[in-house]
Amino acid sequence: MIFDNYLVKLADFGLARPSGIPAKKYSDEVITLWYRPPDILLGSTNYTHVCDMWGVGCILAELISTDKKALFRGKDEKEQLDVIFKKCGVPKNTYWPEMKSFPNYQNYVENPNSIDNEMDMC
């Protein structure tokens, strides 16, 4: 991928492993916090290469931004999810019904002091 005459190569094989069907359960403590997708922040342990696409999107947004800073910069998992939902909105149940089944959903999303649950996902 080329941006303004720079060649950008993305690679991280630190936790590389074969994937298969059905997907295996893994730890939810993976991926650098600022690039971790919402489902893993919510405690999902069933994930595939799709979680890497979230990270790639975050990195591309960072590369094209004027300040060259990470798009979502939380200090912990709850704040990270809060930052994502404040910028993009909370996915409605019709778009992502599985969201309510994640272990951290009650603590991170249902909290009335947390975020505005009426927003639509960007």
C-alpha atoms as a PDB file:
ATOM      1  CA  MET A   1       0.000   0.000   0.000  1.00  0.00           C
ATOM      2  CA  ILE A   2       1.455   3.389  -0.911  1.00  0.00           C
ATOM      3  CA  PHE A   3       0.694   6.694   0.860  1.00  0.00           C
ATOM      4  CA  ASP A   4       2.442   9.860  -0.342  1.00  0.00           C
ATOM      5  CA  ASN A   5       5.440   7.958  -1.754  1.00  0.00           C
ATOM      6  CA  TYR A   6       5.847   5.848   1.388  1.00  0.00           C
ATOM      7  CA  LEU A   7       5.548   2.103   1.316  1.00  0.00           C
ATOM      8  CA  VAL A   8       3.523   0.776   4.235  1.00  0.00           C
ATOM      9  CA  LYS A   9       3.849  -2.842   5.302  1.00  0.00           C
ATOM     10  CA  LEU A  10       1.782  -4.237   8.146  1.00  0.00           C
ATOM     11  CA  ALA A  11       2.841  -7.459   9.846  1.00  0.00           C
ATOM     12  CA  ASP A  12       2.512  -8.924  13.302  1.00  0.00           C
ATOM     13  CA  PHE A  13       3.005 -12.610  13.714  1.00  0.00           C
ATOM     14  CA  GLY A  14       3.598 -12.591  17.468  1.00  0.00           C
ATOM     15  CA  LEU A  15       0.551 -14.751  18.196  1.00  0.00           C
ATOM     16  CA  ALA A  16       0.258 -16.384  14.776  1.00  0.00           C
ATOM     17  CA  ARG A  17      -1.535 -19.710  14.756  1.00  0.00           C
ATOM     18  CA  PRO A  18      -3.500 -21.727  12.254  1.00  0.00           C
ATOM     19  CA  SER A  19      -7.189 -20.975  12.069  1.00  0.00           C
ATOM     20  CA  GLY A  20      -9.897 -23.418  11.279  1.00  0.00           C
ATOM     21  CA  ILE A  21     -13.567 -24.155  11.324  1.00  0.00           C
ATOM     22  CA  PRO A  22     -15.086 -24.246  13.833  1.00  0.00           C
ATOM     23  CA  ALA A  23     -13.271 -21.339  15.453  1.00  0.00           C
ATOM     24  CA  LYS A  24     -11.565 -22.156  18.735  1.00  0.00           C
ATOM     25  CA  LYS A  25     -11.978 -20.225  21.968  1.00  0.00           C
ATOM     26  CA  TYR A  26      -9.023 -18.023  22.825  1.00  0.00           C
ATOM     27  CA  SER A  27      -8.116 -15.422  25.429  1.00  0.00           C
ATOM     28  CA  ASP A  28      -9.762 -11.985  25.268  1.00  0.00           C
ATOM     29  CA  GLU A  29      -6.440 -10.405  26.269  1.00  0.00           C
ATOM     30  CA  VAL A  30      -5.002 -10.040  22.778  1.00  0.00           C
ATOM     31  CA  ILE A  31      -4.105  -7.226  20.417  1.00  0.00           C
ATOM     32  CA  THR A  32      -2.787  -3.851  21.520  1.00  0.00           C
ATOM     33  CA  LEU A  33      -5.616  -2.048  23.320  1.00  0.00           C
ATOM     34  CA  TRP A  34      -5.993   0.840  20.850  1.00  0.00           C
ATOM     35  CA  TYR A  35      -6.469  -1.608  17.958  1.00  0.00           C
ATOM     36  CA  ARG A  36      -8.643  -4.191  19.743  1.00  0.00           C
ATOM     37  CA  PRO A  37     -12.132  -4.664  18.226  1.00  0.00           C
ATOM     38  CA  PRO A  38     -15.338  -4.147  20.230  1.00  0.00           C
ATOM     39  CA  ASP A  39     -16.278  -7.833  20.387  1.00  0.00           C
ATOM     40  CA  ILE A  40     -12.990  -8.748  22.071  1.00  0.00           C
ATOM     41  CA  LEU A  41     -13.260  -5.734  24.384  1.00  0.00           C
ATOM     42  CA  LEU A  42     -16.656  -7.097  25.365  1.00  0.00           C
ATOM     43  CA  GLY A  43     -15.032 -10.408  26.293  1.00  0.00           C
ATOM     44  CA  SER A  44     -15.488 -12.566  23.204  1.00  0.00           C
ATOM     45  CA  THR A  45     -13.142 -15.533  23.056  1.00  0.00           C
ATOM     46  CA  ASN A  46     -14.410 -16.793  19.683  1.00  0.00           C
ATOM     47  CA  TYR A  47     -12.672 -14.800  16.993  1.00  0.00           C
ATOM     48  CA  THR A  48     -10.850 -15.264  13.732  1.00  0.00           C
ATOM     49  CA  HIS A  49      -8.819 -13.152  11.326  1.00  0.00           C
ATOM     50  CA  VAL A  50     -11.757 -10.712  11.272  1.00  0.00           C
ATOM     51  CA  CYS A  51     -10.412  -9.080  14.442  1.00  0.00           C
ATOM     52  CA  ASP A  52      -7.248  -8.241  12.503  1.00  0.00           C
ATOM     53  CA  MET A  53      -9.304  -6.322   9.949  1.00  0.00           C
ATOM     54  CA  TRP A  54     -10.500  -3.964  12.698  1.00  0.00           C
ATOM     55  CA  GLY A  55      -6.870  -3.286  13.592  1.00  0.00           C
ATOM     56  CA  VAL A  56      -5.913  -2.708   9.967  1.00  0.00           C
ATOM     57  CA  GLY A  57      -8.781  -0.215   9.634  1.00  0.00           C
ATOM     58  CA  CYS A  58      -7.596   1.613  12.760  1.00  0.00           C
ATOM     59  CA  ILE A  59      -4.044   1.759  11.412  1.00  0.00           C
ATOM     60  CA  LEU A  60      -5.173   3.036   8.005  1.00  0.00           C
ATOM     61  CA  ALA A  61      -7.274   5.742   9.687  1.00  0.00           C
ATOM     62  CA  GLU A  62      -4.211   6.728  11.708  1.00  0.00           C
ATOM     63  CA  LEU A  63      -2.062   6.920   8.570  1.00  0.00           C
ATOM     64  CA  ILE A  64      -4.461   9.207   6.721  1.00  0.00           C
ATOM     65  CA  SER A  65      -5.305  11.406   9.709  1.00  0.00           C
ATOM     66  CA  THR A  66      -3.715  14.828   9.949  1.00  0.00           C
ATOM     67  CA  ASP A  67      -2.309  14.280  13.454  1.00  0.00           C
ATOM     68  CA  LYS A  68      -1.058  10.701  12.793  1.00  0.00           C
ATOM     69  CA  LYS A  69      -2.431   9.506  16.144  1.00  0.00           C
ATOM     70  CA  ALA A  70      -4.417   6.392  16.948  1.00  0.00           C
ATOM     71  CA  LEU A  71      -8.113   6.790  16.211  1.00  0.00           C
ATOM     72  CA  PHE A  72      -9.284   5.261  19.507  1.00  0.00           C
ATOM     73  CA  ARG A  73      -7.078   5.939  22.556  1.00  0.00           C
ATOM     74  CA  GLY A  74      -8.536   4.430  25.723  1.00  0.00           C
ATOM     75  CA  LYS A  75      -6.643   3.884  28.967  1.00  0.00           C
ATOM     76  CA  ASP A  76      -8.294   0.548  29.788  1.00  0.00           C
ATOM     77  CA  GLU A  77     -10.759  -1.829  28.136  1.00  0.00           C
ATOM     78  CA  LYS A  78     -13.885  -0.057  29.372  1.00  0.00           C
ATOM     79  CA  GLU A  79     -12.633   3.374  28.328  1.00  0.00           C
ATOM     80  CA  GLN A  80     -11.473   1.967  24.982  1.00  0.00           C
ATOM     81  CA  LEU A  81     -14.954   0.669  24.239  1.00  0.00           C
ATOM     82  CA  ASP A  82     -16.442   3.944  25.447  1.00  0.00           C
ATOM     83  CA  VAL A  83     -14.191   5.917  23.057  1.00  0.00           C
ATOM     84  CA  ILE A  84     -15.154   3.659  20.131  1.00  0.00           C
ATOM     85  CA  PHE A  85     -18.879   3.944  20.869  1.00  0.00           C
ATOM     86  CA  LYS A  86     -18.707   7.717  21.381  1.00  0.00           C
ATOM     87  CA  LYS A  87     -17.069   8.140  17.958  1.00  0.00           C
ATOM     88  CA  CYS A  88     -19.056   5.523  16.044  1.00  0.00           C
ATOM     89  CA  GLY A  89     -22.181   5.010  18.109  1.00  0.00           C
ATOM     90  CA  VAL A  90     -23.410   1.903  19.880  1.00  0.00           C
ATOM     91  CA  PRO A  91     -24.537  -0.834  17.498  1.00  0.00           C
ATOM     92  CA  LYS A  92     -28.268  -1.396  17.725  1.00  0.00           C
ATOM     93  CA  ASN A  93     -29.526  -4.853  18.613  1.00  0.00           C
ATOM     94  CA  THR A  94     -30.919  -5.290  15.092  1.00  0.00           C
ATOM     95  CA  TYR A  95     -27.409  -4.891  13.632  1.00  0.00           C
ATOM     96  CA  TRP A  96     -25.486  -6.906  16.226  1.00  0.00           C
ATOM     97  CA  PRO A  97     -27.798  -9.083  18.353  1.00  0.00           C
ATOM     98  CA  GLU A  98     -24.865 -11.172  19.670  1.00  0.00           C
ATOM     99  CA  MET A  99     -23.443  -8.131  21.475  1.00  0.00           C
ATOM    100  CA  LYS A 100     -25.688  -8.718  24.508  1.00  0.00           C
ATOM    101  CA  SER A 101     -24.277 -12.230  24.948  1.00  0.00           C
ATOM    102  CA  PHE A 102     -20.671 -11.112  25.543  1.00  0.00           C
ATOM    103  CA  PRO A 103     -19.376 -11.434  29.140  1.00  0.00           C
ATOM    104  CA  ASN A 104     -18.535  -7.728  29.603  1.00  0.00           C
ATOM    105  CA  TYR A 105     -21.721  -6.366  28.019  1.00  0.00           C
ATOM    106  CA  GLN A 106     -23.555  -5.651  31.290  1.00  0.00           C
ATOM    107  CA  ASN A 107     -20.568  -3.871  32.828  1.00  0.00           C
ATOM    108  CA  TYR A 108     -19.442  -1.927  29.770  1.00  0.00           C
ATOM    109  CA  VAL A 109     -22.566  -1.133  27.749  1.00  0.00           C
ATOM    110  CA  GLU A 110     -25.630  -1.300  29.964  1.00  0.00           C
ATOM    111  CA  ASN A 111     -24.110   1.091  32.517  1.00  0.00           C
ATOM    112  CA  PRO A 112     -26.289   4.231  32.340  1.00  0.00           C
ATOM    113  CA  ASN A 113     -23.298   6.438  33.187  1.00  0.00           C
ATOM    114  CA  SER A 114     -21.276   4.936  30.368  1.00  0.00           C
ATOM    115  CA  ILE A 115     -22.525   5.901  26.907  1.00  0.00           C
ATOM    116  CA  ASP A 116     -25.586   7.040  24.986  1.00  0.00           C
ATOM    117  CA  ASN A 117     -27.225   3.810  23.849  1.00  0.00           C
ATOM    118  CA  GLU A 118     -29.477   5.564  21.340  1.00  0.00           C
ATOM    119  CA  MET A 119     -26.734   6.304  18.814  1.00  0.00           C
ATOM    120  CA  ASP A 120     -26.525   4.413  15.555  1.00  0.00           C
ATOM    121  CA  MET A 121     -23.279   2.739  14.480  1.00  0.00           C
ATOM    122  CA  CYS A 122     -21.284   4.656  11.864  1.00  0.00           C
END
